Amino acid sequence: MRKIFFLITVLLLITIISCKEKEQPPKKLLTYVGGYAISVPEPSGLVMTQDNKGFWTVSDETSTIYRLDNEGNVVQTIKVDGFDFEAITLIDDTILVILQERTREMVFLNTSGTELKRIKLDLEGELNSGPEGITFNPENRHFYILNEKKPSLFVELDEQLNIIRKDTLKFCKDVSGLYFDEANQILWMLSDESQLVIKTDLNGKLLEKINITIPQPEGITLSKDGRNLYIVSDNKETLYVFKVN
């Protein structure tokens, strides 16, 4: 009788402990650290500088590239010929690439402001629903590009800038920012309308969604050590900082 009572007691304890573990709230994937107001009208797109001591962003209002320090202060500006620039990435410590939405062009410049070339992308659709995100994979020298909506597209370009993949994305209302995470071999995306940070594999397959409350998020990047995530808001003109858990 005592053995039966002991076994029942043990089973009850295991059940209680198991229930308590299930009741634990899920671990937050991102922890908000703070934000910096930046003197950039309608910033769109974000990438860390090569030395990890600041950021590059672009304004679709002023057709200007801005270099920021780690606290969001403007330390350099580069005026670009054109309008409606929506995304930016870095190839190395001297070459930047930005996207012009309405003309569907990739514009290559050096960090001194000299334009090197322009490439027109074969992306159709409404003028104001074009390319919104770009990032570069230094391992295979491929570019990944997001078309905002109507339709939302994930596009991959090879080293010769030929489109080798073009897939429709259906896991959010739109896409507005993109970053290649070299350490984890994944992509971080933003959705403005769905208010999401999204993780996918390098084929654009959904891995995870994280809800955020940032209004009009249009640029995303990671610190080189992967510990901090940065998002820039277009209408708030603010750089938000998150710890990656």
C-alpha atoms as a PDB file:
ATOM      1  CA  MET A   1       0.000   0.000   0.000  1.00  0.00           C
ATOM      2  CA  ARG A   2       2.818   2.385   0.871  1.00  0.00           C
ATOM      3  CA  LYS A   3       4.515   1.645  -2.474  1.00  0.00           C
ATOM      4  CA  ILE A   4       1.333   2.474  -4.386  1.00  0.00           C
ATOM      5  CA  PHE A   5       0.897   5.720  -2.418  1.00  0.00           C
ATOM      6  CA  PHE A   6       4.537   6.643  -3.103  1.00  0.00           C
ATOM      7  CA  LEU A   7       4.153   6.014  -6.844  1.00  0.00           C
ATOM      8  CA  ILE A   8       0.968   8.083  -7.013  1.00  0.00           C
ATOM      9  CA  THR A   9       2.702  10.958  -5.170  1.00  0.00           C
ATOM     10  CA  VAL A  10       5.656  10.877  -7.571  1.00  0.00           C
ATOM     11  CA  LEU A  11       3.358  10.879 -10.599  1.00  0.00           C
ATOM     12  CA  LEU A  12       1.413  13.835  -9.226  1.00  0.00           C
ATOM     13  CA  LEU A  13       4.633  15.801  -8.644  1.00  0.00           C
ATOM     14  CA  ILE A  14       5.833  15.090 -12.190  1.00  0.00           C
ATOM     15  CA  THR A  15       2.487  16.224 -13.570  1.00  0.00           C
ATOM     16  CA  ILE A  16       2.538  19.463 -11.523  1.00  0.00           C
ATOM     17  CA  ILE A  17       6.121  20.284 -12.585  1.00  0.00           C
ATOM     18  CA  SER A  18       5.301  19.534 -16.217  1.00  0.00           C
ATOM     19  CA  CYS A  19       2.255  21.820 -16.095  1.00  0.00           C
ATOM     20  CA  LYS A  20       4.276  24.649 -14.544  1.00  0.00           C
ATOM     21  CA  GLU A  21       6.894  24.334 -17.298  1.00  0.00           C
ATOM     22  CA  LYS A  22       4.175  24.571 -19.938  1.00  0.00           C
ATOM     23  CA  GLU A  23       2.766  27.664 -18.261  1.00  0.00           C
ATOM     24  CA  GLN A  24       6.081  29.542 -18.616  1.00  0.00           C
ATOM     25  CA  PRO A  25       5.750  32.391 -21.131  1.00  0.00           C
ATOM     26  CA  PRO A  26       7.684  31.956 -24.378  1.00  0.00           C
ATOM     27  CA  LYS A  27      11.120  33.549 -24.468  1.00  0.00           C
ATOM     28  CA  LYS A  28      11.178  36.927 -26.204  1.00  0.00           C
ATOM     29  CA  LEU A  29      13.262  36.738 -29.358  1.00  0.00           C
ATOM     30  CA  LEU A  30      13.952  40.477 -29.363  1.00  0.00           C
ATOM     31  CA  THR A  31      14.320  42.815 -26.385  1.00  0.00           C
ATOM     32  CA  TYR A  32      13.880  46.544 -26.993  1.00  0.00           C
ATOM     33  CA  VAL A  33      16.943  48.512 -25.891  1.00  0.00           C
ATOM     34  CA  GLY A  34      16.210  52.077 -27.023  1.00  0.00           C
ATOM     35  CA  GLY A  35      15.906  54.463 -29.936  1.00  0.00           C
ATOM     36  CA  TYR A  36      17.698  57.433 -31.489  1.00  0.00           C
ATOM     37  CA  ALA A  37      16.033  60.256 -33.409  1.00  0.00           C
ATOM     38  CA  ILE A  38      17.934  60.762 -36.668  1.00  0.00           C
ATOM     39  CA  SER A  39      18.143  63.846 -38.883  1.00  0.00           C
ATOM     40  CA  VAL A  40      17.199  61.966 -42.043  1.00  0.00           C
ATOM     41  CA  PRO A  41      13.901  62.761 -43.782  1.00  0.00           C
ATOM     42  CA  GLU A  42      12.004  59.520 -44.497  1.00  0.00           C
ATOM     43  CA  PRO A  43      14.912  57.082 -44.046  1.00  0.00           C
ATOM     44  CA  SER A  44      14.483  53.896 -46.038  1.00  0.00           C
ATOM     45  CA  GLY A  45      16.925  51.001 -45.865  1.00  0.00           C
ATOM     46  CA  LEU A  46      19.716  50.360 -43.369  1.00  0.00           C
ATOM     47  CA  VAL A  47      23.059  48.561 -43.279  1.00  0.00           C
ATOM     48  CA  MET A  48      25.976  48.556 -40.837  1.00  0.00           C
ATOM     49  CA  THR A  49      29.213  50.167 -41.983  1.00  0.00           C
ATOM     50  CA  GLN A  50      32.089  47.796 -42.694  1.00  0.00           C
ATOM     51  CA  ASP A  51      33.879  48.792 -39.467  1.00  0.00           C
ATOM     52  CA  ASN A  52      30.702  48.205 -37.408  1.00  0.00           C
ATOM     53  CA  LYS A  53      30.873  51.773 -36.091  1.00  0.00           C
ATOM     54  CA  GLY A  54      27.770  53.186 -37.734  1.00  0.00           C
ATOM     55  CA  PHE A  55      25.181  52.823 -40.476  1.00  0.00           C
ATOM     56  CA  TRP A  56      24.323  53.745 -44.033  1.00  0.00           C
ATOM     57  CA  THR A  57      20.753  54.736 -44.888  1.00  0.00           C
ATOM     58  CA  VAL A  58      19.048  56.489 -47.806  1.00  0.00           C
ATOM     59  CA  SER A  59      16.243  59.045 -47.982  1.00  0.00           C
ATOM     60  CA  ASP A  60      13.576  58.763 -50.669  1.00  0.00           C
ATOM     61  CA  GLU A  61      12.629  62.389 -49.977  1.00  0.00           C
ATOM     62  CA  THR A  62      16.041  64.030 -50.472  1.00  0.00           C
ATOM     63  CA  SER A  63      17.715  61.472 -52.827  1.00  0.00           C
ATOM     64  CA  THR A  64      20.634  61.442 -50.412  1.00  0.00           C
ATOM     65  CA  ILE A  65      22.674  58.686 -48.777  1.00  0.00           C
ATOM     66  CA  TYR A  66      23.506  59.316 -45.121  1.00  0.00           C
ATOM     67  CA  ARG A  67      26.246  57.817 -43.012  1.00  0.00           C
ATOM     68  CA  LEU A  68      25.342  57.704 -39.308  1.00  0.00           C
ATOM     69  CA  ASP A  69      27.401  56.982 -36.217  1.00  0.00           C
ATOM     70  CA  ASN A  70      26.265  54.413 -33.628  1.00  0.00           C
ATOM     71  CA  GLU A  71      23.930  56.953 -32.013  1.00  0.00           C
ATOM     72  CA  GLY A  72      22.289  58.013 -35.257  1.00  0.00           C
ATOM     73  CA  ASN A  73      24.189  61.283 -35.797  1.00  0.00           C
ATOM     74  CA  VAL A  74      24.815  62.189 -39.452  1.00  0.00           C
ATOM     75  CA  VAL A  75      28.547  62.156 -40.254  1.00  0.00           C
ATOM     76  CA  GLN A  76      28.473  62.098 -44.084  1.00  0.00           C
ATOM     77  CA  THR A  77      26.006  62.762 -46.916  1.00  0.00           C
ATOM     78  CA  ILE A  78      26.101  61.721 -50.588  1.00  0.00           C
ATOM     79  CA  LYS A  79      23.678  63.310 -53.057  1.00  0.00           C
ATOM     80  CA  VAL A  80      22.455  60.882 -55.732  1.00  0.00           C
ATOM     81  CA  ASP A  81      21.008  61.683 -59.156  1.00  0.00           C
ATOM     82  CA  GLY A  82      17.429  60.367 -59.180  1.00  0.00           C
ATOM     83  CA  PHE A  83      14.461  60.009 -56.860  1.00  0.00           C
ATOM     84  CA  ASP A  84      12.444  57.501 -54.829  1.00  0.00           C
ATOM     85  CA  PHE A  85      15.379  55.530 -53.411  1.00  0.00           C
ATOM     86  CA  GLU A  86      14.106  52.805 -51.093  1.00  0.00           C
ATOM     87  CA  ALA A  87      16.933  50.470 -50.000  1.00  0.00           C
ATOM     88  CA  ILE A  88      20.688  50.267 -49.492  1.00  0.00           C
ATOM     89  CA  THR A  89      23.381  47.630 -49.043  1.00  0.00           C
ATOM     90  CA  LEU A  90      27.172  47.470 -48.841  1.00  0.00           C
ATOM     91  CA  ILE A  91      29.399  45.266 -51.012  1.00  0.00           C
ATOM     92  CA  ASP A  92      32.665  46.090 -49.219  1.00  0.00           C
ATOM     93  CA  ASP A  93      34.151  49.068 -47.417  1.00  0.00           C
ATOM     94  CA  THR A  94      34.025  51.223 -50.572  1.00  0.00           C
ATOM     95  CA  ILE A  95      30.997  50.193 -52.677  1.00  0.00           C
ATOM     96  CA  LEU A  96      27.322  50.925 -51.927  1.00  0.00           C
ATOM     97  CA  VAL A  97      24.261  49.792 -53.877  1.00  0.00           C
ATOM     98  CA  ILE A  98      20.862  51.491 -53.617  1.00  0.00           C
ATOM     99  CA  LEU A  99      17.483  50.731 -55.204  1.00  0.00           C
ATOM    100  CA  GLN A 100      15.386  53.224 -57.124  1.00  0.00           C
ATOM    101  CA  GLU A 101      11.799  52.018 -56.772  1.00  0.00           C
ATOM    102  CA  ARG A 102       9.933  53.623 -59.670  1.00  0.00           C
ATOM    103  CA  THR A 103      12.615  53.004 -62.317  1.00  0.00           C
ATOM    104  CA  ARG A 104      13.531  49.533 -60.926  1.00  0.00           C
ATOM    105  CA  GLU A 105      17.241  50.392 -60.992  1.00  0.00           C
ATOM    106  CA  MET A 106      20.225  49.257 -58.913  1.00  0.00           C
ATOM    107  CA  VAL A 107      22.637  52.171 -58.536  1.00  0.00           C
ATOM    108  CA  PHE A 108      26.289  51.376 -57.676  1.00  0.00           C
ATOM    109  CA  LEU A 109      28.392  54.115 -56.042  1.00  0.00           C
ATOM    110  CA  ASN A 110      31.603  54.338 -54.089  1.00  0.00           C
ATOM    111  CA  THR A 111      31.559  55.800 -50.595  1.00  0.00           C
ATOM    112  CA  SER A 112      33.025  59.051 -51.931  1.00  0.00           C
ATOM    113  CA  GLY A 113      29.866  59.595 -53.984  1.00  0.00           C
ATOM    114  CA  THR A 114      31.059  58.666 -57.481  1.00  0.00           C
ATOM    115  CA  GLU A 115      28.425  56.720 -59.428  1.00  0.00           C
ATOM    116  CA  LEU A 116      29.840  53.557 -61.008  1.00  0.00           C
ATOM    117  CA  LYS A 117      26.906  52.054 -62.913  1.00  0.00           C
ATOM    118  CA  ARG A 118      23.146  51.489 -63.039  1.00  0.00           C
ATOM    119  CA  ILE A 119      21.381  48.216 -63.763  1.00  0.00           C
ATOM    120  CA  LYS A 120      17.664  48.021 -64.616  1.00  0.00           C
ATOM    121  CA  LEU A 121      15.787  45.119 -63.018  1.00  0.00           C
ATOM    122  CA  ASP A 122      13.167  43.106 -64.866  1.00  0.00           C
ATOM    123  CA  LEU A 123      10.432  43.749 -62.289  1.00  0.00           C
ATOM    124  CA  GLU A 124       6.976  44.787 -63.393  1.00  0.00           C
ATOM    125  CA  GLY A 125       4.065  46.159 -61.372  1.00  0.00           C
ATOM    126  CA  GLU A 126       2.754  49.438 -60.030  1.00  0.00           C
ATOM    127  CA  LEU A 127       5.274  52.269 -59.921  1.00  0.00           C
ATOM    128  CA  ASN A 128       4.977  52.801 -56.162  1.00  0.00           C
ATOM    129  CA  SER A 129       4.994  49.088 -55.265  1.00  0.00           C
ATOM    130  CA  GLY A 130       8.451  48.198 -56.539  1.00  0.00           C
ATOM    131  CA  PRO A 131      11.772  47.094 -54.986  1.00  0.00           C
ATOM    132  CA  GLU A 132      12.010  47.947 -51.270  1.00  0.00           C
ATOM    133  CA  GLY A 133      14.801  45.788 -49.859  1.00  0.00           C
ATOM    134  CA  ILE A 134      18.297  44.720 -50.914  1.00  0.00           C
ATOM    135  CA  THR A 135      21.155  42.805 -49.310  1.00  0.00           C
ATOM    136  CA  PHE A 136      24.413  41.237 -50.483  1.00  0.00           C
ATOM    137  CA  ASN A 137      25.914  37.795 -49.840  1.00  0.00           C
ATOM    138  CA  PRO A 138      29.720  38.165 -49.959  1.00  0.00           C
ATOM    139  CA  GLU A 139      30.273  34.396 -50.096  1.00  0.00           C
ATOM    140  CA  ASN A 140      28.693  33.813 -53.503  1.00  0.00           C
ATOM    141  CA  ARG A 141      28.391  37.502 -54.400  1.00  0.00           C
ATOM    142  CA  HIS A 142      24.648  37.188 -54.955  1.00  0.00           C
ATOM    143  CA  PHE A 143      22.114  39.927 -54.269  1.00  0.00           C
ATOM    144  CA  TYR A 144      18.732  39.334 -52.635  1.00  0.00           C
ATOM    145  CA  ILE A 145      15.978  41.852 -53.429  1.00  0.00           C
ATOM    146  CA  LEU A 146      12.425  42.299 -52.170  1.00  0.00           C
ATOM    147  CA  ASN A 147       9.603  43.731 -54.255  1.00  0.00           C
ATOM    148  CA  GLU A 148       7.184  45.465 -51.887  1.00  0.00           C
ATOM    149  CA  LYS A 149       3.764  44.183 -53.018  1.00  0.00           C
ATOM    150  CA  LYS A 150       1.365  43.557 -55.911  1.00  0.00           C
ATOM    151  CA  PRO A 151       3.041  41.100 -55.802  1.00  0.00           C
ATOM    152  CA  SER A 152       5.498  40.752 -52.907  1.00  0.00           C
ATOM    153  CA  LEU A 153       8.521  39.068 -54.464  1.00  0.00           C
ATOM    154  CA  PHE A 154      11.769  37.490 -53.290  1.00  0.00           C
ATOM    155  CA  VAL A 155      14.380  37.905 -56.031  1.00  0.00           C
ATOM    156  CA  GLU A 156      17.920  36.505 -56.206  1.00  0.00           C
ATOM    157  CA  LEU A 157      20.584  37.800 -58.610  1.00  0.00           C
ATOM    158  CA  ASP A 158      23.833  36.005 -59.419  1.00  0.00           C
ATOM    159  CA  GLU A 159      27.265  37.629 -59.620  1.00  0.00           C
ATOM    160  CA  GLN A 160      26.555  38.793 -63.188  1.00  0.00           C
ATOM    161  CA  LEU A 161      23.300  40.400 -61.935  1.00  0.00           C
ATOM    162  CA  ASN A 162      21.073  37.916 -63.751  1.00  0.00           C
ATOM    163  CA  ILE A 163      17.810  37.024 -61.995  1.00  0.00           C
ATOM    164  CA  ILE A 164      18.047  33.346 -61.005  1.00  0.00           C
ATOM    165  CA  ARG A 165      15.090  33.226 -58.604  1.00  0.00           C
ATOM    166  CA  LYS A 166      11.803  35.113 -58.425  1.00  0.00           C
ATOM    167  CA  ASP A 167       9.265  33.780 -55.913  1.00  0.00           C
ATOM    168  CA  THR A 168       6.022  35.254 -54.594  1.00  0.00           C
ATOM    169  CA  LEU A 169       5.878  35.777 -50.814  1.00  0.00           C
ATOM    170  CA  LYS A 170       2.544  35.041 -49.150  1.00  0.00           C
ATOM    171  CA  PHE A 171       3.326  35.181 -45.419  1.00  0.00           C
ATOM    172  CA  CYS A 172       2.772  38.948 -44.977  1.00  0.00           C
ATOM    173  CA  LYS A 173       0.928  41.881 -46.557  1.00  0.00           C
ATOM    174  CA  ASP A 174       4.087  43.514 -47.901  1.00  0.00           C
ATOM    175  CA  VAL A 175       7.865  43.523 -47.484  1.00  0.00           C
ATOM    176  CA  SER A 176       9.876  46.641 -46.717  1.00  0.00           C
ATOM    177  CA  GLY A 177      13.408  45.725 -45.594  1.00  0.00           C
ATOM    178  CA  LEU A 178      16.026  42.967 -45.932  1.00  0.00           C
ATOM    179  CA  TYR A 179      19.338  41.849 -44.397  1.00  0.00           C
ATOM    180  CA  PHE A 180      21.596  38.828 -45.005  1.00  0.00           C
ATOM    181  CA  ASP A 181      22.778  37.234 -41.734  1.00  0.00           C
ATOM    182  CA  GLU A 182      26.103  35.699 -42.728  1.00  0.00           C
ATOM    183  CA  ALA A 183      26.766  33.920 -39.428  1.00  0.00           C
ATOM    184  CA  ASN A 184      23.444  32.050 -39.425  1.00  0.00           C
ATOM    185  CA  GLN A 185      22.946  31.876 -43.209  1.00  0.00           C
ATOM    186  CA  ILE A 186      19.434  33.311 -43.016  1.00  0.00           C
ATOM    187  CA  LEU A 187      17.594  36.443 -44.131  1.00  0.00           C
ATOM    188  CA  TRP A 188      15.881  38.996 -41.891  1.00  0.00           C
ATOM    189  CA  MET A 189      12.922  40.742 -43.519  1.00  0.00           C
ATOM    190  CA  LEU A 190      10.564  43.530 -42.486  1.00  0.00           C
ATOM    191  CA  SER A 191       6.885  43.997 -43.198  1.00  0.00           C
ATOM    192  CA  ASP A 192       5.528  47.517 -42.799  1.00  0.00           C
ATOM    193  CA  GLU A 193       1.825  46.694 -43.112  1.00  0.00           C
ATOM    194  CA  SER A 194       1.967  43.437 -41.118  1.00  0.00           C
ATOM    195  CA  GLN A 195       4.246  44.967 -38.434  1.00  0.00           C
ATOM    196  CA  LEU A 196       6.645  42.021 -38.487  1.00  0.00           C
ATOM    197  CA  VAL A 197      10.272  41.013 -38.374  1.00  0.00           C
ATOM    198  CA  ILE A 198      10.531  37.838 -40.450  1.00  0.00           C
ATOM    199  CA  LYS A 199      13.296  35.226 -40.628  1.00  0.00           C
ATOM    200  CA  THR A 200      13.626  33.072 -43.751  1.00  0.00           C
ATOM    201  CA  ASP A 201      16.171  30.726 -45.263  1.00  0.00           C
ATOM    202  CA  LEU A 202      18.168  31.795 -48.314  1.00  0.00           C
ATOM    203  CA  ASN A 203      15.396  30.546 -50.581  1.00  0.00           C
ATOM    204  CA  GLY A 204      12.843  32.848 -48.960  1.00  0.00           C
ATOM    205  CA  LYS A 205      11.164  30.020 -47.021  1.00  0.00           C
ATOM    206  CA  LEU A 206       9.531  31.227 -43.794  1.00  0.00           C
ATOM    207  CA  LEU A 207      11.309  30.262 -40.556  1.00  0.00           C
ATOM    208  CA  GLU A 208       9.858  32.636 -37.971  1.00  0.00           C
ATOM    209  CA  LYS A 209       7.697  35.735 -37.464  1.00  0.00           C
ATOM    210  CA  ILE A 210       8.230  38.297 -34.689  1.00  0.00           C
ATOM    211  CA  ASN A 211       5.623  40.974 -33.975  1.00  0.00           C
ATOM    212  CA  ILE A 212       6.845  44.559 -33.583  1.00  0.00           C
ATOM    213  CA  THR A 213       5.081  47.868 -32.919  1.00  0.00           C
ATOM    214  CA  ILE A 214       7.352  50.167 -34.909  1.00  0.00           C
ATOM    215  CA  PRO A 215       5.398  52.388 -37.328  1.00  0.00           C
ATOM    216  CA  GLN A 216       6.476  52.112 -40.975  1.00  0.00           C
ATOM    217  CA  PRO A 217       9.671  50.050 -40.501  1.00  0.00           C
ATOM    218  CA  GLU A 218      11.721  50.248 -43.707  1.00  0.00           C
ATOM    219  CA  GLY A 219      15.288  49.241 -42.873  1.00  0.00           C
ATOM    220  CA  ILE A 220      16.841  46.368 -40.916  1.00  0.00           C
ATOM    221  CA  THR A 221      20.392  45.275 -40.114  1.00  0.00           C
ATOM    222  CA  LEU A 222      22.434  43.362 -37.522  1.00  0.00           C
ATOM    223  CA  SER A 223      25.640  44.150 -35.681  1.00  0.00           C
ATOM    224  CA  LYS A 224      28.590  42.049 -36.858  1.00  0.00           C
ATOM    225  CA  ASP A 225      28.450  39.888 -33.718  1.00  0.00           C
ATOM    226  CA  GLY A 226      24.726  39.293 -34.211  1.00  0.00           C
ATOM    227  CA  ARG A 227      23.828  40.550 -30.748  1.00  0.00           C
ATOM    228  CA  ASN A 228      21.946  43.681 -31.756  1.00  0.00           C
ATOM    229  CA  LEU A 229      19.227  44.216 -34.346  1.00  0.00           C
ATOM    230  CA  TYR A 230      18.554  47.692 -35.734  1.00  0.00           C
ATOM    231  CA  ILE A 231      15.406  48.940 -37.452  1.00  0.00           C
ATOM    232  CA  VAL A 232      14.780  52.349 -38.966  1.00  0.00           C
ATOM    233  CA  SER A 233      11.304  53.908 -39.177  1.00  0.00           C
ATOM    234  CA  ASP A 234      10.407  56.037 -42.177  1.00  0.00           C
ATOM    235  CA  ASN A 235       7.757  58.345 -40.688  1.00  0.00           C
ATOM    236  CA  LYS A 236       9.207  58.462 -37.142  1.00  0.00           C
ATOM    237  CA  GLU A 237      12.750  59.113 -38.444  1.00  0.00           C
ATOM    238  CA  THR A 238      14.077  56.975 -35.613  1.00  0.00           C
ATOM    239  CA  LEU A 239      16.699  54.243 -35.283  1.00  0.00           C
ATOM    240  CA  TYR A 240      15.470  51.457 -32.968  1.00  0.00           C
ATOM    241  CA  VAL A 241      17.832  49.067 -31.188  1.00  0.00           C
ATOM    242  CA  PHE A 242      16.958  45.517 -30.052  1.00  0.00           C
ATOM    243  CA  LYS A 243      18.933  42.829 -28.307  1.00  0.00           C
ATOM    244  CA  VAL A 244      18.745  39.460 -30.085  1.00  0.00           C
ATOM    245  CA  ASN A 245      18.022  36.774 -27.461  1.00  0.00           C
END
